[in-house]
């Protein structure tokens, strides 16, 4: 079997901005999927919406989905030496209309 046809496991790594993604370079392809996209699907989102050009997967602000009595710090969160921009769980993400999501982020909302 040629080297380009060998099966390779996807590798999960940071994209440089703190977001985790899985990359698979098998059979001459280079496919990427972000962990927050997989979390949205695990939470019941339609995969067609998650990977559509019409929608984005949005990280909800921590205080909207964490049930804490104390003030919740805004993202990013410092974990050791790392700055984590958002937490990836099915509860922490939602599928939103792409242009609404980007309009919110351009206004300086620090949640993804």
Protein backbone atom coordinates (compact mmCIF):
# COMPACT_ATOMS: atom_id res chain seq x y z
CA UNK A 1 0.00 0.00 0.00
CA UNK A 2 1.38 3.39 -0.94
CA UNK A 3 2.19 5.86 1.79
CA UNK A 4 -0.60 8.25 0.66
CA UNK A 5 -3.19 5.42 0.94
CA UNK A 6 -2.23 4.38 4.49
CA UNK A 7 -4.74 4.98 7.25
CA UNK A 8 -3.69 7.62 9.73
CA UNK A 9 -5.40 8.62 12.92
CA UNK A 10 -6.68 12.17 13.24
CA UNK A 11 -4.51 14.39 15.43
CA UNK A 12 -6.08 16.83 17.89
CA UNK A 13 -4.15 20.05 18.37
CA UNK A 14 -4.52 23.73 19.12
CA UNK A 15 -5.06 26.09 16.18
CA UNK A 16 -2.80 28.74 17.71
CA UNK A 17 -5.66 30.73 19.25
CA UNK A 18 -6.56 28.12 21.87
CA UNK A 19 -9.26 26.29 19.93
CA UNK A 20 -8.89 22.52 19.68
CA UNK A 21 -9.35 20.84 16.32
CA UNK A 22 -8.90 17.41 14.82
CA UNK A 23 -6.93 17.17 11.62
CA UNK A 24 -6.85 14.14 9.38
CA UNK A 25 -4.36 13.90 6.52
CA UNK A 26 -5.27 10.53 5.08
CA UNK A 27 -5.49 9.45 1.45
CA UNK A 28 -4.25 12.79 0.15
CA UNK A 29 -6.82 14.88 2.04
CA UNK A 30 -6.42 17.51 4.72
CA UNK A 31 -9.67 17.61 6.71
CA UNK A 32 -10.30 19.74 9.81
CA UNK A 33 -13.10 19.69 12.36
CA UNK A 34 -13.17 21.81 15.50
CA UNK A 35 -14.00 20.20 18.84
CA UNK A 36 -16.70 22.83 19.45
CA UNK A 37 -18.39 21.73 16.21
CA UNK A 38 -18.44 18.14 17.46
CA UNK A 39 -19.82 19.35 20.81
CA UNK A 40 -22.67 21.13 19.02
CA UNK A 41 -23.56 17.92 17.20
CA UNK A 42 -23.34 15.94 20.46
CA UNK A 43 -25.78 18.47 21.93
CA UNK A 44 -28.32 17.82 19.16
CA UNK A 45 -27.40 20.33 16.45
CA UNK A 46 -27.95 19.29 12.86
CA UNK A 47 -24.55 18.47 11.27
CA UNK A 48 -25.73 20.13 8.05
CA UNK A 49 -26.11 23.40 9.99
CA UNK A 50 -22.83 22.99 11.89
CA UNK A 51 -20.85 22.69 8.64
CA UNK A 52 -23.01 25.09 6.60
CA UNK A 53 -21.81 28.44 5.31
CA UNK A 54 -24.96 29.99 6.84
CA UNK A 55 -24.18 29.17 10.48
CA UNK A 56 -21.37 29.33 13.04
CA UNK A 57 -20.92 27.40 16.26
CA UNK A 58 -20.88 30.04 18.99
CA UNK A 59 -19.41 29.65 22.47
CA UNK A 60 -21.98 30.91 24.95
CA UNK A 61 -20.74 33.22 27.74
CA UNK A 62 -19.77 31.19 30.79
CA UNK A 63 -22.37 32.79 33.06
CA UNK A 64 -25.17 31.69 30.69
CA UNK A 65 -24.56 27.97 31.09
CA UNK A 66 -22.58 27.54 34.31
CA UNK A 67 -24.82 27.47 37.36
CA UNK A 68 -22.51 29.14 39.85
CA UNK A 69 -23.34 31.40 42.77
CA UNK A 70 -20.15 33.41 42.30
CA UNK A 71 -19.24 35.79 39.50
CA UNK A 72 -17.96 33.87 36.51
CA UNK A 73 -14.78 35.26 34.94
CA UNK A 74 -14.99 36.21 31.27
CA UNK A 75 -13.13 34.10 28.73
CA UNK A 76 -10.29 33.53 28.16
CA UNK A 77 -9.59 31.53 31.29
CA UNK A 78 -6.04 30.99 32.47
CA UNK A 79 -5.32 27.31 33.13
CA UNK A 80 -1.74 26.91 34.26
CA UNK A 81 0.34 28.62 31.58
CA UNK A 82 -2.41 28.34 28.95
CA UNK A 83 -5.14 30.80 28.04
CA UNK A 84 -8.29 28.85 27.13
CA UNK A 85 -10.58 31.02 24.97
CA UNK A 86 -13.67 28.88 25.58
CA UNK A 87 -14.80 25.61 27.10
CA UNK A 88 -16.00 22.95 24.68
CA UNK A 89 -19.05 21.05 25.94
CA UNK A 90 -22.46 20.42 24.36
CA UNK A 91 -23.94 22.89 26.88
CA UNK A 92 -21.44 25.65 26.15
CA UNK A 93 -22.04 25.99 22.40
CA UNK A 94 -24.93 26.81 20.12
CA UNK A 95 -25.46 27.13 16.39
CA UNK A 96 -26.19 30.71 15.36
CA UNK A 97 -26.69 32.55 12.10
CA UNK A 98 -23.20 33.33 10.84
CA UNK A 99 -23.71 37.07 10.26
CA UNK A 100 -25.35 37.62 13.66
CA UNK A 101 -22.47 35.78 15.35
CA UNK A 102 -19.82 37.78 13.54
CA UNK A 103 -21.63 41.07 14.15
CA UNK A 104 -21.60 40.32 17.90
CA UNK A 105 -17.91 39.45 17.85
CA UNK A 106 -17.00 42.59 15.91
CA UNK A 107 -18.66 44.66 18.67
CA UNK A 108 -16.04 43.29 21.05
CA UNK A 109 -18.03 40.56 22.81
CA UNK A 110 -15.34 38.33 24.30
CA UNK A 111 -16.99 34.93 24.09
CA UNK A 112 -15.93 33.49 20.68
